[in-house]
PDB file of N, CA and C in Angstrom:
ATOM      1  N   UNK A   1     -33.278   7.244   1.316  1.00  0.00           N
ATOM      2  CA  UNK A   1     -32.665   7.212   0.293  1.00  0.00           C
ATOM      3  C   UNK A   1     -31.062   6.800   0.680  1.00  0.00           C
ATOM      4  N   UNK A   2     -30.380   7.239   1.805  1.00  0.00           N
ATOM      5  CA  UNK A   2     -28.998   6.874   1.649  1.00  0.00           C
ATOM      6  C   UNK A   2     -29.037   5.237   1.773  1.00  0.00           C
ATOM      7  N   UNK A   3     -29.981   4.335   1.654  1.00  0.00           N
ATOM      8  CA  UNK A   3     -29.860   3.059   1.473  1.00  0.00           C
ATOM      9  C   UNK A   3     -29.705   2.628   0.168  1.00  0.00           C
ATOM     10  N   UNK A   4     -30.143   3.505  -0.633  1.00  0.00           N
ATOM     11  CA  UNK A   4     -30.173   3.019  -1.732  1.00  0.00           C
ATOM     12  C   UNK A   4     -29.089   3.613  -2.821  1.00  0.00           C
ATOM     13  N   UNK A   5     -28.475   5.417  -1.999  1.00  0.00           N
ATOM     14  CA  UNK A   5     -26.999   5.294  -2.811  1.00  0.00           C
ATOM     15  C   UNK A   5     -26.070   4.421  -1.883  1.00  0.00           C
ATOM     16  N   UNK A   6     -26.234   3.560  -1.278  1.00  0.00           N
ATOM     17  CA  UNK A   6     -25.028   2.954  -0.467  1.00  0.00           C
ATOM     18  C   UNK A   6     -25.409   1.349  -0.997  1.00  0.00           C
ATOM     19  N   UNK A   7     -26.648   1.376  -1.337  1.00  0.00           N
ATOM     20  CA  UNK A   7     -26.480  -0.155  -2.199  1.00  0.00           C
ATOM     21  C   UNK A   7     -25.930   0.127  -3.772  1.00  0.00           C
ATOM     22  N   UNK A   8     -26.354   1.466  -4.265  1.00  0.00           N
ATOM     23  CA  UNK A   8     -25.678   1.714  -5.735  1.00  0.00           C
ATOM     24  C   UNK A   8     -24.139   1.619  -5.484  1.00  0.00           C
ATOM     25  N   UNK A   9     -23.716   2.222  -4.729  1.00  0.00           N
ATOM     26  CA  UNK A   9     -22.154   2.441  -4.456  1.00  0.00           C
ATOM     27  C   UNK A   9     -21.448   1.078  -4.505  1.00  0.00           C
ATOM     28  N   UNK A  10     -22.207   0.015  -3.645  1.00  0.00           N
ATOM     29  CA  UNK A  10     -21.688  -1.032  -2.967  1.00  0.00           C
ATOM     30  C   UNK A  10     -21.250  -1.915  -4.229  1.00  0.00           C
ATOM     31  N   UNK A  11     -22.558  -2.115  -4.929  1.00  0.00           N
ATOM     32  CA  UNK A  11     -22.630  -2.979  -6.188  1.00  0.00           C
ATOM     33  C   UNK A  11     -21.801  -2.319  -7.402  1.00  0.00           C
ATOM     34  N   UNK A  12     -21.359  -1.134  -7.824  1.00  0.00           N
ATOM     35  CA  UNK A  12     -20.481  -0.556  -8.554  1.00  0.00           C
ATOM     36  C   UNK A  12     -19.042  -0.611  -8.011  1.00  0.00           C
ATOM     37  N   UNK A  13     -18.792  -0.378  -6.855  1.00  0.00           N
ATOM     38  CA  UNK A  13     -17.415  -0.582  -5.880  1.00  0.00           C
ATOM     39  C   UNK A  13     -17.285  -1.956  -6.012  1.00  0.00           C
ATOM     40  N   UNK A  14     -18.179  -2.574  -5.874  1.00  0.00           N
ATOM     41  CA  UNK A  14     -17.775  -4.194  -6.069  1.00  0.00           C
ATOM     42  C   UNK A  14     -17.265  -4.828  -7.572  1.00  0.00           C
ATOM     43  N   UNK A  15     -18.170  -4.108  -8.632  1.00  0.00           N
ATOM     44  CA  UNK A  15     -17.723  -4.722 -10.074  1.00  0.00           C
ATOM     45  C   UNK A  15     -16.425  -4.288 -10.174  1.00  0.00           C
ATOM     46  N   UNK A  16     -15.955  -2.883  -9.793  1.00  0.00           N
ATOM     47  CA  UNK A  16     -14.792  -2.474  -9.933  1.00  0.00           C
ATOM     48  C   UNK A  16     -13.661  -3.144  -9.201  1.00  0.00           C
ATOM     49  N   UNK A  17     -13.835  -3.507  -8.053  1.00  0.00           N
ATOM     50  CA  UNK A  17     -12.681  -4.213  -7.190  1.00  0.00           C
ATOM     51  C   UNK A  17     -12.779  -5.401  -8.241  1.00  0.00           C
ATOM     52  N   UNK A  18     -13.790  -6.333  -8.343  1.00  0.00           N
ATOM     53  CA  UNK A  18     -13.610  -7.604  -8.982  1.00  0.00           C
ATOM     54  C   UNK A  18     -12.776  -7.490 -10.275  1.00  0.00           C
ATOM     55  N   UNK A  19     -12.838  -6.334 -11.299  1.00  0.00           N
ATOM     56  CA  UNK A  19     -11.694  -6.153 -12.124  1.00  0.00           C
ATOM     57  C   UNK A  19     -10.496  -5.447 -11.964  1.00  0.00           C
ATOM     58  N   UNK A  20     -10.203  -5.335 -10.411  1.00  0.00           N
ATOM     59  CA  UNK A  20      -8.779  -5.245  -9.837  1.00  0.00           C
ATOM     60  C   UNK A  20      -8.355  -4.041  -9.952  1.00  0.00           C
ATOM     61  N   UNK A  21      -9.598  -2.969  -9.958  1.00  0.00           N
ATOM     62  CA  UNK A  21      -8.796  -1.736 -10.000  1.00  0.00           C
ATOM     63  C   UNK A  21      -9.104  -1.196  -8.873  1.00  0.00           C
ATOM     64  N   UNK A  22      -9.824  -1.637  -8.151  1.00  0.00           N
ATOM     65  CA  UNK A  22     -10.245  -1.062  -6.545  1.00  0.00           C
ATOM     66  C   UNK A  22     -11.126  -0.201  -6.432  1.00  0.00           C
ATOM     67  N   UNK A  23     -12.360  -1.156  -5.384  1.00  0.00           N
ATOM     68  CA  UNK A  23     -13.423   0.108  -5.331  1.00  0.00           C
ATOM     69  C   UNK A  23     -13.464   1.096  -4.455  1.00  0.00           C
ATOM     70  N   UNK A  24     -12.486   1.285  -4.006  1.00  0.00           N
ATOM     71  CA  UNK A  24     -12.317   2.894  -3.547  1.00  0.00           C
ATOM     72  C   UNK A  24     -12.333   4.006  -4.279  1.00  0.00           C
ATOM     73  N   UNK A  25     -11.750   3.757  -5.477  1.00  0.00           N
ATOM     74  CA  UNK A  25     -12.150   4.479  -6.612  1.00  0.00           C
ATOM     75  C   UNK A  25     -13.525   5.587  -6.378  1.00  0.00           C
ATOM     76  N   UNK A  26     -14.308   4.370  -6.650  1.00  0.00           N
ATOM     77  CA  UNK A  26     -15.800   4.989  -6.349  1.00  0.00           C
ATOM     78  C   UNK A  26     -16.484   5.302  -4.819  1.00  0.00           C
ATOM     79  N   UNK A  27     -15.869   4.438  -3.934  1.00  0.00           N
ATOM     80  CA  UNK A  27     -16.333   4.094  -2.851  1.00  0.00           C
ATOM     81  C   UNK A  27     -15.831   5.443  -2.139  1.00  0.00           C
ATOM     82  N   UNK A  28     -14.693   5.882  -1.917  1.00  0.00           N
ATOM     83  CA  UNK A  28     -14.575   6.619  -1.074  1.00  0.00           C
ATOM     84  C   UNK A  28     -15.075   8.600  -1.556  1.00  0.00           C
ATOM     85  N   UNK A  29     -15.324   8.745  -2.801  1.00  0.00           N
ATOM     86  CA  UNK A  29     -15.705   9.746  -3.256  1.00  0.00           C
ATOM     87  C   UNK A  29     -16.888  10.173  -2.775  1.00  0.00           C
ATOM     88  N   UNK A  30     -17.724   9.275  -3.000  1.00  0.00           N
ATOM     89  CA  UNK A  30     -19.115   9.066  -2.667  1.00  0.00           C
ATOM     90  C   UNK A  30     -19.534   8.998  -1.036  1.00  0.00           C
ATOM     91  N   UNK A  31     -18.497   8.300  -0.437  1.00  0.00           N
ATOM     92  CA  UNK A  31     -18.479   8.167   1.143  1.00  0.00           C
ATOM     93  C   UNK A  31     -18.477   9.997   1.496  1.00  0.00           C
ATOM     94  N   UNK A  32     -17.336  10.293   1.076  1.00  0.00           N
ATOM     95  CA  UNK A  32     -16.868  11.981   1.557  1.00  0.00           C
ATOM     96  C   UNK A  32     -17.789  12.983   1.007  1.00  0.00           C
ATOM     97  N   UNK A  33     -18.369  13.149  -0.459  1.00  0.00           N
ATOM     98  CA  UNK A  33     -18.751  14.048  -1.109  1.00  0.00           C
ATOM     99  C   UNK A  33     -20.374  14.184  -0.894  1.00  0.00           C
ATOM    100  N   UNK A  34     -20.855  12.758  -1.117  1.00  0.00           N
ATOM    101  CA  UNK A  34     -22.475  12.890  -1.336  1.00  0.00           C
ATOM    102  C   UNK A  34     -22.912  12.566   0.233  1.00  0.00           C
ATOM    103  N   UNK A  35     -22.398  11.587   1.034  1.00  0.00           N
ATOM    104  CA  UNK A  35     -22.717  11.027   2.119  1.00  0.00           C
ATOM    105  C   UNK A  35     -22.180  12.052   3.548  1.00  0.00           C
ATOM    106  N   UNK A  36     -21.045  12.562   3.002  1.00  0.00           N
ATOM    107  CA  UNK A  36     -20.884  13.574   3.972  1.00  0.00           C
ATOM    108  C   UNK A  36     -19.855  13.355   5.216  1.00  0.00           C
ATOM    109  N   UNK A  37     -18.988  11.760   4.800  1.00  0.00           N
ATOM    110  CA  UNK A  37     -18.000  11.423   5.722  1.00  0.00           C
ATOM    111  C   UNK A  37     -16.925  11.696   6.047  1.00  0.00           C
ATOM    112  N   UNK A  38     -16.392  11.725   6.997  1.00  0.00           N
ATOM    113  CA  UNK A  38     -15.067  12.319   6.992  1.00  0.00           C
ATOM    114  C   UNK A  38     -13.993  11.539   5.983  1.00  0.00           C
ATOM    115  N   UNK A  39     -12.466  12.202   5.774  1.00  0.00           N
ATOM    116  CA  UNK A  39     -11.940  11.269   4.840  1.00  0.00           C
ATOM    117  C   UNK A  39     -11.472   9.939   5.361  1.00  0.00           C
ATOM    118  N   UNK A  40     -10.900  10.243   6.970  1.00  0.00           N
ATOM    119  CA  UNK A  40     -10.526   9.175   7.651  1.00  0.00           C
ATOM    120  C   UNK A  40     -11.430   8.070   7.836  1.00  0.00           C
ATOM    121  N   UNK A  41     -12.419   8.289   7.918  1.00  0.00           N
ATOM    122  CA  UNK A  41     -13.669   7.566   8.094  1.00  0.00           C
ATOM    123  C   UNK A  41     -14.107   6.809   7.185  1.00  0.00           C
ATOM    124  N   UNK A  42     -14.205   7.104   5.946  1.00  0.00           N
ATOM    125  CA  UNK A  42     -14.343   6.594   4.512  1.00  0.00           C
ATOM    126  C   UNK A  42     -13.363   5.817   4.154  1.00  0.00           C
ATOM    127  N   UNK A  43     -12.116   6.125   4.521  1.00  0.00           N
ATOM    128  CA  UNK A  43     -10.858   5.487   4.430  1.00  0.00           C
ATOM    129  C   UNK A  43     -11.106   4.088   5.217  1.00  0.00           C
ATOM    130  N   UNK A  44     -11.583   4.359   6.309  1.00  0.00           N
ATOM    131  CA  UNK A  44     -11.799   3.090   6.978  1.00  0.00           C
ATOM    132  C   UNK A  44     -12.978   2.137   6.839  1.00  0.00           C
ATOM    133  N   UNK A  45     -13.744   2.562   6.277  1.00  0.00           N
ATOM    134  CA  UNK A  45     -14.892   1.700   5.680  1.00  0.00           C
ATOM    135  C   UNK A  45     -14.461   1.309   4.255  1.00  0.00           C
ATOM    136  N   UNK A  46     -13.846   1.891   3.819  1.00  0.00           N
ATOM    137  CA  UNK A  46     -12.999   1.284   2.215  1.00  0.00           C
ATOM    138  C   UNK A  46     -12.118   0.004   2.348  1.00  0.00           C
ATOM    139  N   UNK A  47     -11.181   0.545   3.815  1.00  0.00           N
ATOM    140  CA  UNK A  47     -10.277  -0.851   3.840  1.00  0.00           C
ATOM    141  C   UNK A  47     -11.344  -2.450   4.372  1.00  0.00           C
ATOM    142  N   UNK A  48     -12.385  -2.018   5.146  1.00  0.00           N
ATOM    143  CA  UNK A  48     -13.211  -2.933   5.680  1.00  0.00           C
ATOM    144  C   UNK A  48     -13.750  -3.483   4.309  1.00  0.00           C
ATOM    145  N   UNK A  49     -14.386  -2.648   3.823  1.00  0.00           N
ATOM    146  CA  UNK A  49     -15.179  -3.356   2.245  1.00  0.00           C
ATOM    147  C   UNK A  49     -14.197  -4.087   1.650  1.00  0.00           C
ATOM    148  N   UNK A  50     -13.083  -3.811   1.438  1.00  0.00           N
ATOM    149  CA  UNK A  50     -12.089  -4.188   0.417  1.00  0.00           C
ATOM    150  C   UNK A  50     -11.535  -5.707   0.996  1.00  0.00           C
ATOM    151  N   UNK A  51     -11.577  -6.345   2.120  1.00  0.00           N
ATOM    152  CA  UNK A  51     -11.174  -7.436   2.908  1.00  0.00           C
ATOM    153  C   UNK A  51     -12.343  -8.601   2.147  1.00  0.00           C
ATOM    154  N   UNK A  52     -13.661  -8.324   2.379  1.00  0.00           N
ATOM    155  CA  UNK A  52     -14.231  -9.439   1.527  1.00  0.00           C
ATOM    156  C   UNK A  52     -14.149  -9.950  -0.014  1.00  0.00           C
ATOM    157  N   UNK A  53     -13.939  -8.280  -0.606  1.00  0.00           N
ATOM    158  CA  UNK A  53     -14.004  -8.131  -2.388  1.00  0.00           C
ATOM    159  C   UNK A  53     -12.880  -8.771  -2.844  1.00  0.00           C
ATOM    160  N   UNK A  54     -11.645  -8.504  -2.140  1.00  0.00           N
ATOM    161  CA  UNK A  54     -10.496  -8.808  -2.322  1.00  0.00           C
ATOM    162  C   UNK A  54     -10.309 -10.496  -2.217  1.00  0.00           C
ATOM    163  N   UNK A  55     -11.126 -11.071  -1.371  1.00  0.00           N
ATOM    164  CA  UNK A  55     -11.182 -12.491  -0.899  1.00  0.00           C
ATOM    165  C   UNK A  55     -11.546 -13.048  -2.338  1.00  0.00           C
ATOM    166  N   UNK A  56     -12.838 -12.855  -2.355  1.00  0.00           N
ATOM    167  CA  UNK A  56     -13.609 -13.055  -3.496  1.00  0.00           C
ATOM    168  C   UNK A  56     -12.530 -13.303  -5.360  1.00  0.00           C
ATOM    169  N   UNK A  57     -12.648 -11.376  -5.176  1.00  0.00           N
ATOM    170  CA  UNK A  57     -11.503 -11.313  -6.427  1.00  0.00           C
ATOM    171  C   UNK A  57     -10.429 -12.311  -6.355  1.00  0.00           C
ATOM    172  N   UNK A  58      -9.596 -12.735  -5.682  1.00  0.00           N
ATOM    173  CA  UNK A  58      -8.385 -13.564  -5.601  1.00  0.00           C
ATOM    174  C   UNK A  58      -9.177 -15.046  -5.651  1.00  0.00           C
ATOM    175  N   UNK A  59      -9.920 -15.241  -5.248  1.00  0.00           N
ATOM    176  CA  UNK A  59     -10.264 -16.582  -5.834  1.00  0.00           C
ATOM    177  C   UNK A  59     -10.736 -17.020  -7.246  1.00  0.00           C
ATOM    178  N   UNK A  60     -11.039 -15.821  -7.437  1.00  0.00           N
ATOM    179  CA  UNK A  60     -11.706 -15.916  -8.931  1.00  0.00           C
ATOM    180  C   UNK A  60     -10.215 -16.001  -9.829  1.00  0.00           C
ATOM    181  N   UNK A  61      -9.497 -14.955  -9.715  1.00  0.00           N
ATOM    182  CA  UNK A  61      -8.302 -15.166 -10.429  1.00  0.00           C
ATOM    183  C   UNK A  61      -7.486 -16.019 -10.002  1.00  0.00           C
ATOM    184  N   UNK A  62      -7.498 -16.885  -8.554  1.00  0.00           N
ATOM    185  CA  UNK A  62      -6.804 -18.387  -8.709  1.00  0.00           C
ATOM    186  C   UNK A  62      -6.903 -18.982  -9.469  1.00  0.00           C
ATOM    187  N   UNK A  63      -8.455 -19.351  -9.488  1.00  0.00           N
ATOM    188  CA  UNK A  63      -9.106 -20.373  -9.781  1.00  0.00           C
ATOM    189  C   UNK A  63      -9.009 -20.139 -11.855  1.00  0.00           C
ATOM    190  N   UNK A  64      -8.727 -19.102 -11.994  1.00  0.00           N
ATOM    191  CA  UNK A  64      -8.222 -19.041 -13.476  1.00  0.00           C
ATOM    192  C   UNK A  64      -6.731 -18.439 -13.815  1.00  0.00           C
ATOM    193  N   UNK A  65      -6.209 -19.190 -12.843  1.00  0.00           N
ATOM    194  CA  UNK A  65      -4.764 -19.320 -12.961  1.00  0.00           C
ATOM    195  C   UNK A  65      -4.235 -18.123 -13.141  1.00  0.00           C
ATOM    196  N   UNK A  66      -4.650 -16.787 -12.838  1.00  0.00           N
ATOM    197  CA  UNK A  66      -3.859 -15.596 -13.183  1.00  0.00           C
ATOM    198  C   UNK A  66      -3.211 -15.051 -12.160  1.00  0.00           C
ATOM    199  N   UNK A  67      -2.822 -16.166 -11.158  1.00  0.00           N
ATOM    200  CA  UNK A  67      -1.943 -15.661  -9.879  1.00  0.00           C
ATOM    201  C   UNK A  67      -0.722 -16.201  -9.852  1.00  0.00           C
ATOM    202  N   UNK A  68       0.278 -15.954  -9.931  1.00  0.00           N
ATOM    203  CA  UNK A  68       1.681 -16.168  -9.619  1.00  0.00           C
ATOM    204  C   UNK A  68       2.155 -15.813  -8.319  1.00  0.00           C
ATOM    205  N   UNK A  69       2.289 -17.151  -7.514  1.00  0.00           N
ATOM    206  CA  UNK A  69       2.556 -17.022  -5.902  1.00  0.00           C
ATOM    207  C   UNK A  69       3.892 -16.408  -5.746  1.00  0.00           C
ATOM    208  N   UNK A  70       4.715 -16.952  -6.650  1.00  0.00           N
ATOM    209  CA  UNK A  70       6.268 -16.689  -6.809  1.00  0.00           C
ATOM    210  C   UNK A  70       6.118 -15.260  -6.611  1.00  0.00           C
ATOM    211  N   UNK A  71       5.596 -14.176  -6.883  1.00  0.00           N
ATOM    212  CA  UNK A  71       5.614 -12.917  -7.209  1.00  0.00           C
ATOM    213  C   UNK A  71       4.499 -12.520  -6.245  1.00  0.00           C
ATOM    214  N   UNK A  72       3.340 -12.956  -6.202  1.00  0.00           N
ATOM    215  CA  UNK A  72       2.375 -12.435  -5.176  1.00  0.00           C
ATOM    216  C   UNK A  72       2.792 -12.153  -3.703  1.00  0.00           C
ATOM    217  N   UNK A  73       3.467 -13.298  -3.370  1.00  0.00           N
ATOM    218  CA  UNK A  73       3.585 -13.503  -1.919  1.00  0.00           C
ATOM    219  C   UNK A  73       4.633 -12.341  -1.563  1.00  0.00           C
ATOM    220  N   UNK A  74       5.766 -11.956  -1.960  1.00  0.00           N
ATOM    221  CA  UNK A  74       6.781 -10.481  -1.941  1.00  0.00           C
ATOM    222  C   UNK A  74       5.751  -9.469  -1.796  1.00  0.00           C
ATOM    223  N   UNK A  75       5.734  -9.435  -2.914  1.00  0.00           N
ATOM    224  CA  UNK A  75       4.902  -8.126  -3.365  1.00  0.00           C
ATOM    225  C   UNK A  75       3.587  -8.027  -1.825  1.00  0.00           C
ATOM    226  N   UNK A  76       2.918  -8.822  -1.595  1.00  0.00           N
ATOM    227  CA  UNK A  76       1.895  -9.208  -0.664  1.00  0.00           C
ATOM    228  C   UNK A  76       2.631  -8.653   0.941  1.00  0.00           C
ATOM    229  N   UNK A  77       3.646  -9.202   1.001  1.00  0.00           N
ATOM    230  CA  UNK A  77       4.145  -9.072   2.421  1.00  0.00           C
ATOM    231  C   UNK A  77       4.817  -7.793   2.514  1.00  0.00           C
ATOM    232  N   UNK A  78       5.200  -7.192   1.369  1.00  0.00           N
ATOM    233  CA  UNK A  78       5.768  -5.397   1.367  1.00  0.00           C
ATOM    234  C   UNK A  78       4.632  -4.920   1.437  1.00  0.00           C
ATOM    235  N   UNK A  79       3.602  -5.292   1.103  1.00  0.00           N
ATOM    236  CA  UNK A  79       2.326  -4.458   0.557  1.00  0.00           C
ATOM    237  C   UNK A  79       1.753  -4.255   2.438  1.00  0.00           C
ATOM    238  N   UNK A  80       1.680  -5.430   3.150  1.00  0.00           N
ATOM    239  CA  UNK A  80       1.293  -5.314   4.487  1.00  0.00           C
ATOM    240  C   UNK A  80       2.194  -4.732   5.477  1.00  0.00           C
ATOM    241  N   UNK A  81       3.488  -4.768   5.094  1.00  0.00           N
ATOM    242  CA  UNK A  81       4.329  -3.861   6.043  1.00  0.00           C
ATOM    243  C   UNK A  81       4.096  -2.358   5.405  1.00  0.00           C
ATOM    244  N   UNK A  82       3.640  -1.768   4.310  1.00  0.00           N
ATOM    245  CA  UNK A  82       3.521  -0.468   4.147  1.00  0.00           C
ATOM    246  C   UNK A  82       2.072  -0.031   4.494  1.00  0.00           C
ATOM    247  N   UNK A  83       1.292  -1.351   4.592  1.00  0.00           N
ATOM    248  CA  UNK A  83       0.109  -1.021   5.114  1.00  0.00           C
ATOM    249  C   UNK A  83      -0.164  -0.455   6.473  1.00  0.00           C
ATOM    250  N   UNK A  84       0.899  -0.962   7.386  1.00  0.00           N
ATOM    251  CA  UNK A  84       1.364  -0.493   8.786  1.00  0.00           C
ATOM    252  C   UNK A  84       1.248   1.052   8.539  1.00  0.00           C
ATOM    253  N   UNK A  85       2.700   1.160   7.908  1.00  0.00           N
ATOM    254  CA  UNK A  85       3.406   2.545   8.170  1.00  0.00           C
ATOM    255  C   UNK A  85       2.076   3.438   7.550  1.00  0.00           C
ATOM    256  N   UNK A  86       1.921   2.989   6.655  1.00  0.00           N
ATOM    257  CA  UNK A  86       0.349   4.131   5.654  1.00  0.00           C
ATOM    258  C   UNK A  86      -0.317   4.360   6.755  1.00  0.00           C
ATOM    259  N   UNK A  87      -1.142   3.401   7.417  1.00  0.00           N
ATOM    260  CA  UNK A  87      -2.113   3.712   8.364  1.00  0.00           C
ATOM    261  C   UNK A  87      -1.457   4.787   9.837  1.00  0.00           C
ATOM    262  N   UNK A  88      -0.173   4.105  10.075  1.00  0.00           N
ATOM    263  CA  UNK A  88       0.258   5.192  10.905  1.00  0.00           C
ATOM    264  C   UNK A  88       0.630   6.645  10.847  1.00  0.00           C
ATOM    265  N   UNK A  89       0.520   6.894   9.478  1.00  0.00           N
ATOM    266  CA  UNK A  89       0.984   7.956   9.211  1.00  0.00           C
ATOM    267  C   UNK A  89      -0.550   9.005   8.858  1.00  0.00           C
ATOM    268  N   UNK A  90      -1.541   8.013   8.286  1.00  0.00           N
ATOM    269  CA  UNK A  90      -2.712   8.488   8.182  1.00  0.00           C
ATOM    270  C   UNK A  90      -3.056   8.634   9.227  1.00  0.00           C
ATOM    271  N   UNK A  91      -2.972   8.117  10.290  1.00  0.00           N
ATOM    272  CA  UNK A  91      -3.307   8.630  11.840  1.00  0.00           C
ATOM    273  C   UNK A  91      -3.040   9.995  11.958  1.00  0.00           C
ATOM    274  N   UNK A  92      -2.189  10.541  11.747  1.00  0.00           N
ATOM    275  CA  UNK A  92      -1.339  11.458  12.129  1.00  0.00           C
ATOM    276  C   UNK A  92      -1.646  12.887  11.329  1.00  0.00           C
ATOM    277  N   UNK A  93      -2.106  12.200  10.056  1.00  0.00           N
ATOM    278  CA  UNK A  93      -2.451  13.603   8.731  1.00  0.00           C
ATOM    279  C   UNK A  93      -3.837  14.221   9.002  1.00  0.00           C
ATOM    280  N   UNK A  94      -3.601  15.522   8.616  1.00  0.00           N
ATOM    281  CA  UNK A  94      -4.918  16.296   8.882  1.00  0.00           C
ATOM    282  C   UNK A  94      -5.553  15.288   7.486  1.00  0.00           C
ATOM    283  N   UNK A  95      -7.278  15.798   8.150  1.00  0.00           N
ATOM    284  CA  UNK A  95      -8.318  15.137   6.646  1.00  0.00           C
ATOM    285  C   UNK A  95      -7.803  15.694   5.500  1.00  0.00           C
ATOM    286  N   UNK A  96      -7.884  17.293   5.376  1.00  0.00           N
ATOM    287  CA  UNK A  96      -7.646  18.051   4.318  1.00  0.00           C
ATOM    288  C   UNK A  96      -6.325  17.462   3.469  1.00  0.00           C
ATOM    289  N   UNK A  97      -5.545  17.105   4.083  1.00  0.00           N
ATOM    290  CA  UNK A  97      -4.263  16.358   3.422  1.00  0.00           C
ATOM    291  C   UNK A  97      -4.555  15.245   2.866  1.00  0.00           C
ATOM    292  N   UNK A  98      -5.060  14.589   3.590  1.00  0.00           N
ATOM    293  CA  UNK A  98      -5.540  13.209   2.835  1.00  0.00           C
ATOM    294  C   UNK A  98      -6.614  13.505   1.766  1.00  0.00           C
ATOM    295  N   UNK A  99      -7.166  14.355   1.730  1.00  0.00           N
ATOM    296  CA  UNK A  99      -8.227  14.348   0.569  1.00  0.00           C
ATOM    297  C   UNK A  99      -7.376  14.904  -0.388  1.00  0.00           C
ATOM    298  N   UNK A 100      -6.307  15.805  -1.006  1.00  0.00           N
ATOM    299  CA  UNK A 100      -5.426  16.216  -1.530  1.00  0.00           C
ATOM    300  C   UNK A 100      -4.641  15.157  -2.180  1.00  0.00           C
ATOM    301  N   UNK A 101      -4.013  14.243  -1.173  1.00  0.00           N
ATOM    302  CA  UNK A 101      -3.422  13.372  -1.466  1.00  0.00           C
ATOM    303  C   UNK A 101      -4.265  12.406  -2.369  1.00  0.00           C
ATOM    304  N   UNK A 102      -5.596  12.222  -1.678  1.00  0.00           N
ATOM    305  CA  UNK A 102      -6.192  10.888  -2.286  1.00  0.00           C
ATOM    306  C   UNK A 102      -6.637  11.690  -4.095  1.00  0.00           C
ATOM    307  N   UNK A 103      -7.102  12.946  -4.235  1.00  0.00           N
ATOM    308  CA  UNK A 103      -7.429  13.470  -5.789  1.00  0.00           C
ATOM    309  C   UNK A 103      -6.666  13.510  -6.199  1.00  0.00           C
ATOM    310  N   UNK A 104      -5.009  13.606  -5.513  1.00  0.00           N
ATOM    311  CA  UNK A 104      -3.836  13.558  -6.552  1.00  0.00           C
ATOM    312  C   UNK A 104      -3.628  11.810  -7.476  1.00  0.00           C
ATOM    313  N   UNK A 105      -3.689  11.364  -6.356  1.00  0.00           N
ATOM    314  CA  UNK A 105      -3.726  10.030  -6.712  1.00  0.00           C
ATOM    315  C   UNK A 105      -4.895   9.385  -7.773  1.00  0.00           C
ATOM    316  N   UNK A 106      -5.876  10.018  -7.538  1.00  0.00           N
ATOM    317  CA  UNK A 106      -7.110   9.559  -8.281  1.00  0.00           C
ATOM    318  C   UNK A 106      -6.775  10.350 -10.012  1.00  0.00           C
ATOM    319  N   UNK A 107      -6.455  11.395  -9.966  1.00  0.00           N
ATOM    320  CA  UNK A 107      -6.072  12.130 -11.232  1.00  0.00           C
ATOM    321  C   UNK A 107      -4.857  11.569 -12.022  1.00  0.00           C
ATOM    322  N   UNK A 108      -3.569  11.285 -11.013  1.00  0.00           N
ATOM    323  CA  UNK A 108      -2.716  10.138 -11.845  1.00  0.00           C
ATOM    324  C   UNK A 108      -2.942   9.241 -12.361  1.00  0.00           C
ATOM    325  N   UNK A 109      -4.010   8.410 -11.698  1.00  0.00           N
ATOM    326  CA  UNK A 109      -4.221   6.983 -12.087  1.00  0.00           C
ATOM    327  C   UNK A 109      -5.293   7.506 -13.178  1.00  0.00           C
ATOM    328  N   UNK A 110      -6.096   8.145 -13.255  1.00  0.00           N
ATOM    329  CA  UNK A 110      -6.610   8.560 -14.413  1.00  0.00           C
ATOM    330  C   UNK A 110      -6.039   8.671 -15.687  1.00  0.00           C
ATOM    331  N   UNK A 111      -5.213   9.533 -15.141  1.00  0.00           N
ATOM    332  CA  UNK A 111      -4.354  10.200 -16.604  1.00  0.00           C
ATOM    333  C   UNK A 111      -3.427   8.711 -17.352  1.00  0.00           C
ATOM    334  N   UNK A 112      -3.186   8.033 -15.915  1.00  0.00           N
ATOM    335  CA  UNK A 112      -2.304   7.133 -17.057  1.00  0.00           C
ATOM    336  C   UNK A 112      -2.928   5.744 -17.416  1.00  0.00           C
ATOM    337  N   UNK A 113      -4.484   5.729 -17.211  1.00  0.00           N
ATOM    338  CA  UNK A 113      -5.644   4.769 -17.576  1.00  0.00           C
ATOM    339  C   UNK A 113      -5.927   5.316 -19.116  1.00  0.00           C
ATOM    340  N   UNK A 114      -5.968   6.657 -19.272  1.00  0.00           N
ATOM    341  CA  UNK A 114      -6.549   7.239 -20.262  1.00  0.00           C
ATOM    342  C   UNK A 114      -5.212   6.990 -21.422  1.00  0.00           C
ATOM    343  N   UNK A 115      -3.905   7.290 -20.800  1.00  0.00           N
ATOM    344  CA  UNK A 115      -2.666   7.224 -21.640  1.00  0.00           C
ATOM    345  C   UNK A 115      -2.753   5.615 -22.155  1.00  0.00           C
ATOM    346  N   UNK A 116      -2.831   4.801 -21.323  1.00  0.00           N
ATOM    347  CA  UNK A 116      -2.523   3.367 -21.603  1.00  0.00           C
ATOM    348  C   UNK A 116      -3.692   3.230 -22.909  1.00  0.00           C
ATOM    349  N   UNK A 117      -5.200   3.464 -22.373  1.00  0.00           N
ATOM    350  CA  UNK A 117      -6.278   3.254 -23.244  1.00  0.00           C
ATOM    351  C   UNK A 117      -5.850   3.960 -24.996  1.00  0.00           C
ATOM    352  N   UNK A 118      -5.393   5.365 -25.029  1.00  0.00           N
ATOM    353  CA  UNK A 118      -5.191   5.711 -25.999  1.00  0.00           C
ATOM    354  C   UNK A 118      -3.521   5.342 -27.259  1.00  0.00           C
ATOM    355  N   UNK A 119      -3.030   4.610 -25.961  1.00  0.00           N
ATOM    356  CA  UNK A 119      -1.547   3.975 -26.877  1.00  0.00           C
ATOM    357  C   UNK A 119      -1.925   2.844 -27.308  1.00  0.00           C
ATOM    358  N   UNK A 120      -2.889   1.995 -26.817  1.00  0.00           N
ATOM    359  CA  UNK A 120      -3.010   1.011 -27.350  1.00  0.00           C
ATOM    360  C   UNK A 120      -4.173   0.657 -28.298  1.00  0.00           C
ATOM    361  N   UNK A 121      -4.703   2.072 -28.613  1.00  0.00           N
ATOM    362  CA  UNK A 121      -5.608   1.958 -29.798  1.00  0.00           C
ATOM    363  C   UNK A 121      -5.242   1.588 -31.164  1.00  0.00           C
TER     364      UNK A 121
END
């Protein structure tokens, strides 16, 4: 049963990742709420999952001329530095705090997406 859940989760996370939204929005809640993984473990799995899906999405977007290197390279550079800082802070944080922060982030992103959808209607 778990392998079916993992396969379906991977599929939908991949679709969402390919759209540029981020598969962690699907992956982390399923890993923690349904499969019972700890928050830090789910985040680690998500990061490992992110590498190949991001590479594929980047190649497709690059091929479609949707990447501006002069913008992307500085953003990626700062993102790498911030990821190191974030990983260090996450290692020191309690799992309950990480769950709360992730929940707030998902709510904020959801409200923002809803607002954009209503605004553009």
